PDB file of N, CA and C in Angstrom:
ATOM      1  N   ILE A   1     104.836 177.839 278.568  1.00  0.00           N
ATOM      2  CA  ILE A   1     104.819 178.319 280.069  1.00  0.00           C
ATOM      3  C   ILE A   1     104.061 179.589 280.140  1.00  0.00           C
ATOM      4  N   HIS A   2     104.202 180.600 279.111  1.00  0.00           N
ATOM      5  CA  HIS A   2     103.505 181.804 279.227  1.00  0.00           C
ATOM      6  C   HIS A   2     102.021 181.505 279.388  1.00  0.00           C
ATOM      7  N   THR A   3     101.542 180.608 278.521  1.00  0.00           N
ATOM      8  CA  THR A   3     100.079 180.476 278.458  1.00  0.00           C
ATOM      9  C   THR A   3      99.565 179.973 279.855  1.00  0.00           C
ATOM     10  N   TYR A   4     100.378 178.912 280.320  1.00  0.00           N
ATOM     11  CA  TYR A   4     100.043 178.302 281.581  1.00  0.00           C
ATOM     12  C   TYR A   4     100.129 179.378 282.777  1.00  0.00           C
ATOM     13  N   THR A   5     101.183 180.224 282.785  1.00  0.00           N
ATOM     14  CA  THR A   5     101.307 181.119 283.880  1.00  0.00           C
ATOM     15  C   THR A   5     100.207 182.323 283.730  1.00  0.00           C
ATOM     16  N   SER A   6      99.952 182.577 282.470  1.00  0.00           N
ATOM     17  CA  SER A   6      98.939 183.671 282.432  1.00  0.00           C
ATOM     18  C   SER A   6      97.527 183.242 282.848  1.00  0.00           C
ATOM     19  N   SER A   7      97.228 182.020 282.857  1.00  0.00           N
ATOM     20  CA  SER A   7      96.001 181.537 283.370  1.00  0.00           C
ATOM     21  C   SER A   7      95.739 181.590 284.853  1.00  0.00           C
ATOM     22  N   ALA A   8      96.822 182.005 285.536  1.00  0.00           N
ATOM     23  CA  ALA A   8      96.611 182.014 287.024  1.00  0.00           C
ATOM     24  C   ALA A   8      96.098 183.392 287.390  1.00  0.00           C
ATOM     25  N   ASP A   9      95.543 183.452 288.783  1.00  0.00           N
ATOM     26  CA  ASP A   9      94.976 184.757 289.183  1.00  0.00           C
ATOM     27  C   ASP A   9      96.087 185.521 289.924  1.00  0.00           C
ATOM     28  N   VAL A  10      97.100 184.937 290.349  1.00  0.00           N
ATOM     29  CA  VAL A  10      98.149 185.631 291.119  1.00  0.00           C
ATOM     30  C   VAL A  10      99.550 184.820 291.019  1.00  0.00           C
ATOM     31  N   GLY A  11     100.700 185.605 290.973  1.00  0.00           N
ATOM     32  CA  GLY A  11     101.984 184.955 291.000  1.00  0.00           C
ATOM     33  C   GLY A  11     102.424 184.773 292.406  1.00  0.00           C
ATOM     34  N   LEU A  12     102.751 183.645 292.790  1.00  0.00           N
ATOM     35  CA  LEU A  12     103.168 183.338 294.154  1.00  0.00           C
ATOM     36  C   LEU A  12     104.746 183.117 294.198  1.00  0.00           C
ATOM     37  N   ASN A  13     105.428 183.951 295.140  1.00  0.00           N
ATOM     38  CA  ASN A  13     106.841 183.742 295.355  1.00  0.00           C
ATOM     39  C   ASN A  13     106.946 183.308 296.779  1.00  0.00           C
ATOM     40  N   THR A  14     107.503 182.101 297.097  1.00  0.00           N
ATOM     41  CA  THR A  14     107.475 181.476 298.503  1.00  0.00           C
ATOM     42  C   THR A  14     108.914 181.074 298.700  1.00  0.00           C
ATOM     43  N   VAL A  15     109.845 181.715 298.208  1.00  0.00           N
ATOM     44  CA  VAL A  15     111.286 181.245 298.587  1.00  0.00           C
ATOM     45  C   VAL A  15     111.571 181.417 300.036  1.00  0.00           C
ATOM     46  N   GLN A  16     111.935 180.464 300.731  1.00  0.00           N
ATOM     47  CA  GLN A  16     112.287 180.494 302.168  1.00  0.00           C
ATOM     48  C   GLN A  16     113.603 181.118 302.470  1.00  0.00           C
ATOM     49  N   ASN A  17     113.716 181.956 303.493  1.00  0.00           N
ATOM     50  CA  ASN A  17     114.964 182.603 303.924  1.00  0.00           C
ATOM     51  C   ASN A  17     115.672 181.607 304.740  1.00  0.00           C
ATOM     52  N   THR A  18     116.483 180.683 303.965  1.00  0.00           N
ATOM     53  CA  THR A  18     117.219 179.680 304.697  1.00  0.00           C
ATOM     54  C   THR A  18     118.747 179.880 304.480  1.00  0.00           C
ATOM     55  N   SER A  19     119.149 180.975 303.724  1.00  0.00           N
ATOM     56  CA  SER A  19     120.561 181.252 303.521  1.00  0.00           C
ATOM     57  C   SER A  19     120.614 182.552 303.026  1.00  0.00           C
ATOM     58  N   LEU A  20     121.867 183.223 303.065  1.00  0.00           N
ATOM     59  CA  LEU A  20     121.930 184.523 302.380  1.00  0.00           C
ATOM     60  C   LEU A  20     121.676 184.550 300.916  1.00  0.00           C
ATOM     61  N   SER A  21     122.018 183.501 300.211  1.00  0.00           N
ATOM     62  CA  SER A  21     121.699 183.445 298.749  1.00  0.00           C
ATOM     63  C   SER A  21     120.066 183.582 298.557  1.00  0.00           C
ATOM     64  N   TYR A  22     119.468 182.853 299.199  1.00  0.00           N
ATOM     65  CA  TYR A  22     117.843 183.151 299.202  1.00  0.00           C
ATOM     66  C   TYR A  22     117.450 184.366 299.591  1.00  0.00           C
ATOM     67  N   TYR A  23     118.075 184.869 300.842  1.00  0.00           N
ATOM     68  CA  TYR A  23     117.734 186.170 301.400  1.00  0.00           C
ATOM     69  C   TYR A  23     117.776 187.223 300.457  1.00  0.00           C
ATOM     70  N   TYR A  24     118.838 187.192 299.598  1.00  0.00           N
ATOM     71  CA  TYR A  24     119.008 188.368 298.505  1.00  0.00           C
ATOM     72  C   TYR A  24     118.576 187.987 297.196  1.00  0.00           C
ATOM     73  N   CYS A  25     117.886 186.951 296.889  1.00  0.00           N
ATOM     74  CA  CYS A  25     117.375 186.532 295.645  1.00  0.00           C
ATOM     75  C   CYS A  25     116.275 187.498 295.053  1.00  0.00           C
ATOM     76  N   LEU A  26     116.334 187.361 293.810  1.00  0.00           N
ATOM     77  CA  LEU A  26     115.273 188.011 292.959  1.00  0.00           C
ATOM     78  C   LEU A  26     114.948 187.048 291.767  1.00  0.00           C
ATOM     79  N   PRO A  27     114.018 186.173 292.158  1.00  0.00           N
ATOM     80  CA  PRO A  27     113.760 185.039 291.095  1.00  0.00           C
ATOM     81  C   PRO A  27     113.383 185.489 289.883  1.00  0.00           C
ATOM     82  N   ASN A  28     113.695 184.830 288.798  1.00  0.00           N
ATOM     83  CA  ASN A  28     113.197 185.240 287.476  1.00  0.00           C
ATOM     84  C   ASN A  28     111.755 184.994 287.306  1.00  0.00           C
ATOM     85  N   LYS A  29     111.159 184.122 288.105  1.00  0.00           N
ATOM     86  CA  LYS A  29     109.711 183.933 288.225  1.00  0.00           C
ATOM     87  C   LYS A  29     108.930 185.152 288.457  1.00  0.00           C
ATOM     88  N   LEU A  30     109.436 186.092 289.346  1.00  0.00           N
ATOM     89  CA  LEU A  30     108.797 187.348 289.380  1.00  0.00           C
ATOM     90  C   LEU A  30     108.593 188.230 288.120  1.00  0.00           C
ATOM     91  N   PHE A  31     109.743 188.093 287.262  1.00  0.00           N
ATOM     92  CA  PHE A  31     109.640 188.919 286.065  1.00  0.00           C
ATOM     93  C   PHE A  31     108.700 188.113 285.019  1.00  0.00           C
ATOM     94  N   GLU A  32     108.586 186.943 285.088  1.00  0.00           N
ATOM     95  CA  GLU A  32     107.612 186.187 284.329  1.00  0.00           C
ATOM     96  C   GLU A  32     106.234 186.598 284.811  1.00  0.00           C
ATOM     97  N   TYR A  33     105.897 186.757 286.015  1.00  0.00           N
ATOM     98  CA  TYR A  33     104.763 187.143 286.479  1.00  0.00           C
ATOM     99  C   TYR A  33     104.347 188.549 286.044  1.00  0.00           C
ATOM    100  N   ILE A  34     105.412 189.320 285.869  1.00  0.00           N
ATOM    101  CA  ILE A  34     105.151 190.776 285.439  1.00  0.00           C
ATOM    102  C   ILE A  34     104.791 190.797 283.941  1.00  0.00           C
ATOM    103  N   GLN A  35     105.604 189.886 283.088  1.00  0.00           N
ATOM    104  CA  GLN A  35     105.326 189.794 281.846  1.00  0.00           C
ATOM    105  C   GLN A  35     103.951 189.250 281.549  1.00  0.00           C
ATOM    106  N   CYS A  36     103.402 188.428 282.373  1.00  0.00           N
ATOM    107  CA  CYS A  36     102.006 187.909 282.233  1.00  0.00           C
ATOM    108  C   CYS A  36     100.878 188.759 282.880  1.00  0.00           C
ATOM    109  N   GLY A  37     101.385 189.875 283.483  1.00  0.00           N
ATOM    110  CA  GLY A  37     100.358 190.796 284.073  1.00  0.00           C
ATOM    111  C   GLY A  37      99.678 190.463 285.433  1.00  0.00           C
ATOM    112  N   LEU A  38     100.460 189.363 286.072  1.00  0.00           N
ATOM    113  CA  LEU A  38      99.826 188.845 287.384  1.00  0.00           C
ATOM    114  C   LEU A  38     100.290 189.676 288.564  1.00  0.00           C
ATOM    115  N   PRO A  39      99.223 189.981 289.430  1.00  0.00           N
ATOM    116  CA  PRO A  39      99.734 190.574 290.726  1.00  0.00           C
ATOM    117  C   PRO A  39     100.574 189.497 291.424  1.00  0.00           C
ATOM    118  N   ILE A  40     101.552 190.046 292.129  1.00  0.00           N
ATOM    119  CA  ILE A  40     102.544 189.063 292.939  1.00  0.00           C
ATOM    120  C   ILE A  40     102.251 189.039 294.358  1.00  0.00           C
ATOM    121  N   LEU A  41     102.343 187.979 294.841  1.00  0.00           N
ATOM    122  CA  LEU A  41     102.217 187.670 296.338  1.00  0.00           C
ATOM    123  C   LEU A  41     103.566 187.150 296.742  1.00  0.00           C
ATOM    124  N   THR A  42     104.382 187.875 297.464  1.00  0.00           N
ATOM    125  CA  THR A  42     105.701 187.476 297.854  1.00  0.00           C
ATOM    126  C   THR A  42     106.092 187.497 299.224  1.00  0.00           C
ATOM    127  N   ASN A  43     106.968 186.842 299.758  1.00  0.00           N
ATOM    128  CA  ASN A  43     107.388 186.749 301.099  1.00  0.00           C
ATOM    129  C   ASN A  43     108.298 188.028 301.256  1.00  0.00           C
ATOM    130  N   ALA A  44     108.661 188.257 302.597  1.00  0.00           N
ATOM    131  CA  ALA A  44     109.443 189.710 302.855  1.00  0.00           C
ATOM    132  C   ALA A  44     110.909 189.429 302.605  1.00  0.00           C
ATOM    133  N   LEU A  45     111.311 189.021 301.445  1.00  0.00           N
ATOM    134  CA  LEU A  45     112.766 189.084 301.202  1.00  0.00           C
ATOM    135  C   LEU A  45     112.991 190.425 300.618  1.00  0.00           C
ATOM    136  N   PRO A  46     114.210 190.958 300.893  1.00  0.00           N
ATOM    137  CA  PRO A  46     114.401 192.394 300.744  1.00  0.00           C
ATOM    138  C   PRO A  46     114.157 192.845 299.210  1.00  0.00           C
ATOM    139  N   ASP A  47     114.851 192.208 298.296  1.00  0.00           N
ATOM    140  CA  ASP A  47     114.615 192.663 296.899  1.00  0.00           C
ATOM    141  C   ASP A  47     113.358 192.344 296.296  1.00  0.00           C
ATOM    142  N   CYS A  48     112.759 191.242 296.598  1.00  0.00           N
ATOM    143  CA  CYS A  48     111.419 190.877 296.233  1.00  0.00           C
ATOM    144  C   CYS A  48     110.346 191.850 296.809  1.00  0.00           C
ATOM    145  N   MET A  49     110.444 192.188 298.062  1.00  0.00           N
ATOM    146  CA  MET A  49     109.582 193.061 298.679  1.00  0.00           C
ATOM    147  C   MET A  49     109.641 194.382 298.071  1.00  0.00           C
ATOM    148  N   ALA A  50     110.908 194.909 297.899  1.00  0.00           N
ATOM    149  CA  ALA A  50     111.169 196.290 297.282  1.00  0.00           C
ATOM    150  C   ALA A  50     110.560 196.363 296.003  1.00  0.00           C
ATOM    151  N   LEU A  51     110.794 195.495 295.083  1.00  0.00           N
ATOM    152  CA  LEU A  51     110.069 195.446 293.783  1.00  0.00           C
ATOM    153  C   LEU A  51     108.709 195.417 293.680  1.00  0.00           C
ATOM    154  N   VAL A  52     107.966 194.600 294.583  1.00  0.00           N
ATOM    155  CA  VAL A  52     106.561 194.553 294.694  1.00  0.00           C
ATOM    156  C   VAL A  52     105.975 195.829 295.354  1.00  0.00           C
ATOM    157  N   GLN A  53     106.606 196.322 296.274  1.00  0.00           N
ATOM    158  CA  GLN A  53     105.919 197.537 296.991  1.00  0.00           C
ATOM    159  C   GLN A  53     106.368 198.821 296.258  1.00  0.00           C
ATOM    160  N   GLN A  54     107.525 198.920 295.629  1.00  0.00           N
ATOM    161  CA  GLN A  54     107.882 200.146 295.012  1.00  0.00           C
ATOM    162  C   GLN A  54     107.010 200.327 293.725  1.00  0.00           C
ATOM    163  N   GLU A  55     106.857 199.212 292.972  1.00  0.00           N
ATOM    164  CA  GLU A  55     106.037 199.195 291.697  1.00  0.00           C
ATOM    165  C   GLU A  55     104.616 199.095 291.945  1.00  0.00           C
ATOM    166  N   HIS A  56     104.129 198.830 293.221  1.00  0.00           N
ATOM    167  CA  HIS A  56     102.616 198.519 293.510  1.00  0.00           C
ATOM    168  C   HIS A  56     102.032 197.334 292.601  1.00  0.00           C
ATOM    169  N   ILE A  57     102.699 196.231 292.551  1.00  0.00           N
ATOM    170  CA  ILE A  57     102.301 195.163 291.663  1.00  0.00           C
ATOM    171  C   ILE A  57     101.893 194.000 292.475  1.00  0.00           C
ATOM    172  N   GLY A  58     101.763 194.177 293.851  1.00  0.00           N
ATOM    173  CA  GLY A  58     101.234 192.991 294.562  1.00  0.00           C
ATOM    174  C   GLY A  58     101.254 193.281 296.016  1.00  0.00           C
ATOM    175  N   HIS A  59     101.548 192.101 296.827  1.00  0.00           N
ATOM    176  CA  HIS A  59     101.395 192.310 298.206  1.00  0.00           C
ATOM    177  C   HIS A  59     102.474 191.445 298.933  1.00  0.00           C
ATOM    178  N   VAL A  60     102.891 191.682 300.110  1.00  0.00           N
ATOM    179  CA  VAL A  60     103.837 191.087 300.780  1.00  0.00           C
ATOM    180  C   VAL A  60     103.396 190.233 301.983  1.00  0.00           C
ATOM    181  N   ILE A  61     103.764 189.053 302.035  1.00  0.00           N
ATOM    182  CA  ILE A  61     103.432 188.056 303.187  1.00  0.00           C
ATOM    183  C   ILE A  61     104.414 188.487 304.307  1.00  0.00           C
ATOM    184  N   GLN A  62     103.929 188.996 305.464  1.00  0.00           N
ATOM    185  CA  GLN A  62     104.665 189.405 306.488  1.00  0.00           C
ATOM    186  C   GLN A  62     105.276 188.493 307.296  1.00  0.00           C
ATOM    187  N   THR A  63     104.647 187.201 307.561  1.00  0.00           N
ATOM    188  CA  THR A  63     105.103 186.107 308.441  1.00  0.00           C
ATOM    189  C   THR A  63     104.986 184.857 307.523  1.00  0.00           C
ATOM    190  N   TYR A  64     106.014 184.013 307.538  1.00  0.00           N
ATOM    191  CA  TYR A  64     106.085 182.808 306.625  1.00  0.00           C
ATOM    192  C   TYR A  64     105.360 181.651 307.532  1.00  0.00           C
ATOM    193  N   THR A  65     104.145 181.836 307.751  1.00  0.00           N
ATOM    194  CA  THR A  65     103.348 180.882 308.417  1.00  0.00           C
ATOM    195  C   THR A  65     101.905 180.561 307.697  1.00  0.00           C
ATOM    196  N   THR A  66     101.291 179.669 307.935  1.00  0.00           N
ATOM    197  CA  THR A  66      99.861 179.600 307.362  1.00  0.00           C
ATOM    198  C   THR A  66      99.026 180.813 307.664  1.00  0.00           C
ATOM    199  N   ALA A  67      99.097 181.138 308.919  1.00  0.00           N
ATOM    200  CA  ALA A  67      98.302 182.391 309.219  1.00  0.00           C
ATOM    201  C   ALA A  67      98.702 183.715 308.457  1.00  0.00           C
ATOM    202  N   GLY A  68     100.062 183.737 308.254  1.00  0.00           N
ATOM    203  CA  GLY A  68     100.536 184.908 307.495  1.00  0.00           C
ATOM    204  C   GLY A  68     100.192 184.809 306.031  1.00  0.00           C
ATOM    205  N   PHE A  69     100.218 183.532 305.500  1.00  0.00           N
ATOM    206  CA  PHE A  69      99.701 183.497 304.084  1.00  0.00           C
ATOM    207  C   PHE A  69      98.280 183.846 303.905  1.00  0.00           C
ATOM    208  N   ASN A  70      97.407 183.265 304.921  1.00  0.00           N
ATOM    209  CA  ASN A  70      96.027 183.477 304.924  1.00  0.00           C
ATOM    210  C   ASN A  70      95.721 185.091 304.898  1.00  0.00           C
ATOM    211  N   GLN A  71      96.380 185.623 305.835  1.00  0.00           N
ATOM    212  CA  GLN A  71      96.268 187.163 306.071  1.00  0.00           C
ATOM    213  C   GLN A  71      96.532 187.825 304.788  1.00  0.00           C
ATOM    214  N   ALA A  72      97.703 187.562 304.196  1.00  0.00           N
ATOM    215  CA  ALA A  72      98.171 188.146 303.051  1.00  0.00           C
ATOM    216  C   ALA A  72      97.129 188.039 301.818  1.00  0.00           C
ATOM    217  N   ILE A  73      96.682 186.873 301.688  1.00  0.00           N
ATOM    218  CA  ILE A  73      95.657 186.481 300.728  1.00  0.00           C
ATOM    219  C   ILE A  73      94.357 187.308 300.773  1.00  0.00           C
ATOM    220  N   ASP A  74      93.935 187.296 302.029  1.00  0.00           N
ATOM    221  CA  ASP A  74      92.758 188.043 302.430  1.00  0.00           C
ATOM    222  C   ASP A  74      92.912 189.549 302.088  1.00  0.00           C
ATOM    223  N   GLU A  75      94.065 190.121 302.491  1.00  0.00           N
ATOM    224  CA  GLU A  75      94.342 191.512 302.199  1.00  0.00           C
ATOM    225  C   GLU A  75      94.493 191.860 300.721  1.00  0.00           C
ATOM    226  N   MET A  76      95.017 190.806 299.970  1.00  0.00           N
ATOM    227  CA  MET A  76      95.153 191.046 298.655  1.00  0.00           C
ATOM    228  C   MET A  76      93.862 190.966 297.889  1.00  0.00           C
ATOM    229  N   LEU A  77      92.950 190.111 298.360  1.00  0.00           N
ATOM    230  CA  LEU A  77      91.607 189.926 297.779  1.00  0.00           C
ATOM    231  C   LEU A  77      90.831 191.156 297.946  1.00  0.00           C
ATOM    232  N   GLU A  78      91.041 191.937 299.019  1.00  0.00           N
ATOM    233  CA  GLU A  78      90.324 193.210 299.243  1.00  0.00           C
ATOM    234  C   GLU A  78      90.574 194.255 298.272  1.00  0.00           C
ATOM    235  N   GLN A  79      91.570 194.174 297.421  1.00  0.00           N
ATOM    236  CA  GLN A  79      91.944 195.182 296.473  1.00  0.00           C
ATOM    237  C   GLN A  79      91.641 194.602 295.075  1.00  0.00           C
ATOM    238  N   ASP A  80      91.352 195.769 294.269  1.00  0.00           N
ATOM    239  CA  ASP A  80      91.038 195.475 292.844  1.00  0.00           C
ATOM    240  C   ASP A  80      92.336 195.700 292.173  1.00  0.00           C
ATOM    241  N   TRP A  81      93.166 194.481 291.780  1.00  0.00           N
ATOM    242  CA  TRP A  81      94.225 194.615 291.108  1.00  0.00           C
ATOM    243  C   TRP A  81      94.215 194.672 289.646  1.00  0.00           C
ATOM    244  N   THR A  82      93.030 194.518 289.113  1.00  0.00           N
ATOM    245  CA  THR A  82      92.932 194.449 287.616  1.00  0.00           C
ATOM    246  C   THR A  82      93.275 195.674 286.885  1.00  0.00           C
ATOM    247  N   SER A  83      92.985 196.913 287.390  1.00  0.00           N
ATOM    248  CA  SER A  83      93.465 198.109 286.767  1.00  0.00           C
ATOM    249  C   SER A  83      94.653 198.610 287.327  1.00  0.00           C
ATOM    250  N   SER A  84      94.964 198.669 288.594  1.00  0.00           N
ATOM    251  CA  SER A  84      96.151 199.206 289.283  1.00  0.00           C
ATOM    252  C   SER A  84      97.364 198.439 288.891  1.00  0.00           C
ATOM    253  N   CYS A  85      97.186 197.197 289.013  1.00  0.00           N
ATOM    254  CA  CYS A  85      98.310 196.312 288.604  1.00  0.00           C
ATOM    255  C   CYS A  85      98.726 196.247 287.195  1.00  0.00           C
ATOM    256  N   ALA A  86      97.629 196.281 286.359  1.00  0.00           N
ATOM    257  CA  ALA A  86      97.873 196.306 284.888  1.00  0.00           C
ATOM    258  C   ALA A  86      98.686 197.557 284.534  1.00  0.00           C
ATOM    259  N   ASP A  87      98.214 198.658 284.915  1.00  0.00           N
ATOM    260  CA  ASP A  87      98.941 199.925 284.681  1.00  0.00           C
ATOM    261  C   ASP A  87     100.468 199.933 285.115  1.00  0.00           C
ATOM    262  N   ALA A  88     100.656 199.404 286.226  1.00  0.00           N
ATOM    263  CA  ALA A  88     102.058 199.279 286.780  1.00  0.00           C
ATOM    264  C   ALA A  88     102.774 198.336 285.928  1.00  0.00           C
ATOM    265  N   MET A  89     102.227 197.214 285.535  1.00  0.00           N
ATOM    266  CA  MET A  89     102.976 196.209 284.777  1.00  0.00           C
ATOM    267  C   MET A  89     103.351 196.746 283.415  1.00  0.00           C
ATOM    268  N   VAL A  90     102.455 197.446 282.808  1.00  0.00           N
ATOM    269  CA  VAL A  90     102.777 198.047 281.360  1.00  0.00           C
ATOM    270  C   VAL A  90     103.808 199.040 281.670  1.00  0.00           C
ATOM    271  N   SER A  91     103.878 199.835 282.648  1.00  0.00           N
ATOM    272  CA  SER A  91     104.959 200.744 282.937  1.00  0.00           C
ATOM    273  C   SER A  91     106.347 200.164 283.049  1.00  0.00           C
ATOM    274  N   ILE A  92     106.317 199.043 283.839  1.00  0.00           N
ATOM    275  CA  ILE A  92     107.607 198.313 284.060  1.00  0.00           C
ATOM    276  C   ILE A  92     108.007 197.729 282.718  1.00  0.00           C
ATOM    277  N   LEU A  93     107.139 197.166 281.914  1.00  0.00           N
ATOM    278  CA  LEU A  93     107.676 196.518 280.748  1.00  0.00           C
ATOM    279  C   LEU A  93     108.131 197.580 279.742  1.00  0.00           C
ATOM    280  N   LEU A  94     107.598 198.783 279.757  1.00  0.00           N
ATOM    281  CA  LEU A  94     107.982 199.785 278.724  1.00  0.00           C
ATOM    282  C   LEU A  94     109.364 200.528 279.286  1.00  0.00           C
ATOM    283  N   THR A  95     109.710 200.548 280.552  1.00  0.00           N
ATOM    284  CA  THR A  95     110.871 201.203 281.107  1.00  0.00           C
ATOM    285  C   THR A  95     111.969 200.393 281.536  1.00  0.00           C
ATOM    286  N   ALA A  96     111.803 199.141 281.801  1.00  0.00           N
ATOM    287  CA  ALA A  96     112.813 198.170 282.292  1.00  0.00           C
ATOM    288  C   ALA A  96     113.376 197.594 281.066  1.00  0.00           C
ATOM    289  N   ARG A  97     114.826 197.474 281.241  1.00  0.00           N
ATOM    290  CA  ARG A  97     115.488 196.779 280.193  1.00  0.00           C
ATOM    291  C   ARG A  97     116.787 196.318 280.803  1.00  0.00           C
ATOM    292  N   TRP A  98     117.469 195.373 280.050  1.00  0.00           N
ATOM    293  CA  TRP A  98     118.846 194.949 280.268  1.00  0.00           C
ATOM    294  C   TRP A  98     119.864 195.830 279.603  1.00  0.00           C
ATOM    295  N   GLN A  99     120.753 196.357 280.269  1.00  0.00           N
ATOM    296  CA  GLN A  99     121.792 197.244 279.617  1.00  0.00           C
ATOM    297  C   GLN A  99     123.000 196.743 280.013  1.00  0.00           C
ATOM    298  N   MET A 100     124.102 196.713 279.013  1.00  0.00           N
ATOM    299  CA  MET A 100     125.351 196.372 279.281  1.00  0.00           C
ATOM    300  C   MET A 100     126.087 197.704 279.592  1.00  0.00           C
ATOM    301  N   ASP A 101     126.806 197.749 280.696  1.00  0.00           N
ATOM    302  CA  ASP A 101     127.663 198.948 280.913  1.00  0.00           C
ATOM    303  C   ASP A 101     128.885 198.891 279.886  1.00  0.00           C
ATOM    304  N   SER A 102     129.428 200.090 279.741  1.00  0.00           N
ATOM    305  CA  SER A 102     130.625 200.141 278.726  1.00  0.00           C
ATOM    306  C   SER A 102     131.656 199.222 279.221  1.00  0.00           C
ATOM    307  N   LEU A 103     132.233 198.629 278.361  1.00  0.00           N
ATOM    308  CA  LEU A 103     133.422 197.755 278.575  1.00  0.00           C
ATOM    309  C   LEU A 103     134.614 198.506 278.879  1.00  0.00           C
ATOM    310  N   THR A 104     135.295 198.121 280.039  1.00  0.00           N
ATOM    311  CA  THR A 104     136.440 198.718 280.444  1.00  0.00           C
ATOM    312  C   THR A 104     137.493 197.484 280.687  1.00  0.00           C
ATOM    313  N   PRO A 105     138.723 197.809 280.644  1.00  0.00           N
ATOM    314  CA  PRO A 105     139.750 196.764 280.876  1.00  0.00           C
ATOM    315  C   PRO A 105     139.728 196.141 282.240  1.00  0.00           C
ATOM    316  N   SER A 106     139.011 196.774 283.221  1.00  0.00           N
ATOM    317  CA  SER A 106     139.053 196.356 284.619  1.00  0.00           C
ATOM    318  C   SER A 106     137.816 195.431 284.915  1.00  0.00           C
ATOM    319  N   ALA A 107     136.599 195.758 284.135  1.00  0.00           N
ATOM    320  CA  ALA A 107     135.364 194.952 284.565  1.00  0.00           C
ATOM    321  C   ALA A 107     134.338 195.215 283.402  1.00  0.00           C
ATOM    322  N   THR A 108     133.448 194.113 283.395  1.00  0.00           N
ATOM    323  CA  THR A 108     132.132 194.354 282.715  1.00  0.00           C
ATOM    324  C   THR A 108     131.015 193.971 283.720  1.00  0.00           C
ATOM    325  N   SER A 109     129.962 194.509 283.413  1.00  0.00           N
ATOM    326  CA  SER A 109     128.815 194.166 284.367  1.00  0.00           C
ATOM    327  C   SER A 109     127.502 194.315 283.653  1.00  0.00           C
ATOM    328  N   ILE A 110     126.650 193.514 283.895  1.00  0.00           N
ATOM    329  CA  ILE A 110     125.346 193.492 283.316  1.00  0.00           C
ATOM    330  C   ILE A 110     124.305 193.730 284.293  1.00  0.00           C
ATOM    331  N   GLY A 111     123.413 194.626 284.284  1.00  0.00           N
ATOM    332  CA  GLY A 111     122.464 194.705 285.404  1.00  0.00           C
ATOM    333  C   GLY A 111     121.227 195.121 284.962  1.00  0.00           C
ATOM    334  N   TRP A 112     120.228 194.914 285.860  1.00  0.00           N
ATOM    335  CA  TRP A 112     118.728 195.322 285.589  1.00  0.00           C
ATOM    336  C   TRP A 112     118.590 196.783 285.925  1.00  0.00           C
ATOM    337  N   LEU A 113     118.264 197.605 284.904  1.00  0.00           N
ATOM    338  CA  LEU A 113     118.160 199.028 285.135  1.00  0.00           C
ATOM    339  C   LEU A 113     116.752 199.483 284.911  1.00  0.00           C
ATOM    340  N   PHE A 114     116.267 200.361 285.696  1.00  0.00           N
ATOM    341  CA  PHE A 114     114.996 201.119 285.472  1.00  0.00           C
ATOM    342  C   PHE A 114     115.425 202.538 284.896  1.00  0.00           C
ATOM    343  N   VAL A 115     115.134 202.856 283.804  1.00  0.00           N
ATOM    344  CA  VAL A 115     115.354 204.119 283.251  1.00  0.00           C
ATOM    345  C   VAL A 115     114.159 204.934 282.879  1.00  0.00           C
TER     346      VAL A 115
END
C-alpha cells in the first residue's frame, strides 16, 4: 500500500460531514499520507483541518461541492509543495509519537501527542 500511495501527487480526504462521528474524525489515511510525504487536500472537518493548517502540509476544501474541490485544487497547484511540505512532514515524523499515559487504577488512555 505504501508504494501505491507514494506514487500519488496528493493525498485526498473527502469524508463527508454526515454525523458527529465523521465530523470529529481524524482518519488514519491522513497519517499514511504524512508517512508518504504527500501534501494533503482535506475538507473542513475540525481535526483534519487543524492538522493540515497547523502543520502546513496541505490545503482545505472550504465547500464540499464540485466548485469547492476545483477551487481548492487550483489554489493547491499554485504553491510549490515539494520543499515546504517535505520539511513539515519530516518534522512531524520526528516529533510525533504514540505515548501511553501512566497507568492508574481509575483509567488508562492512549493518545497522539506532539512533543
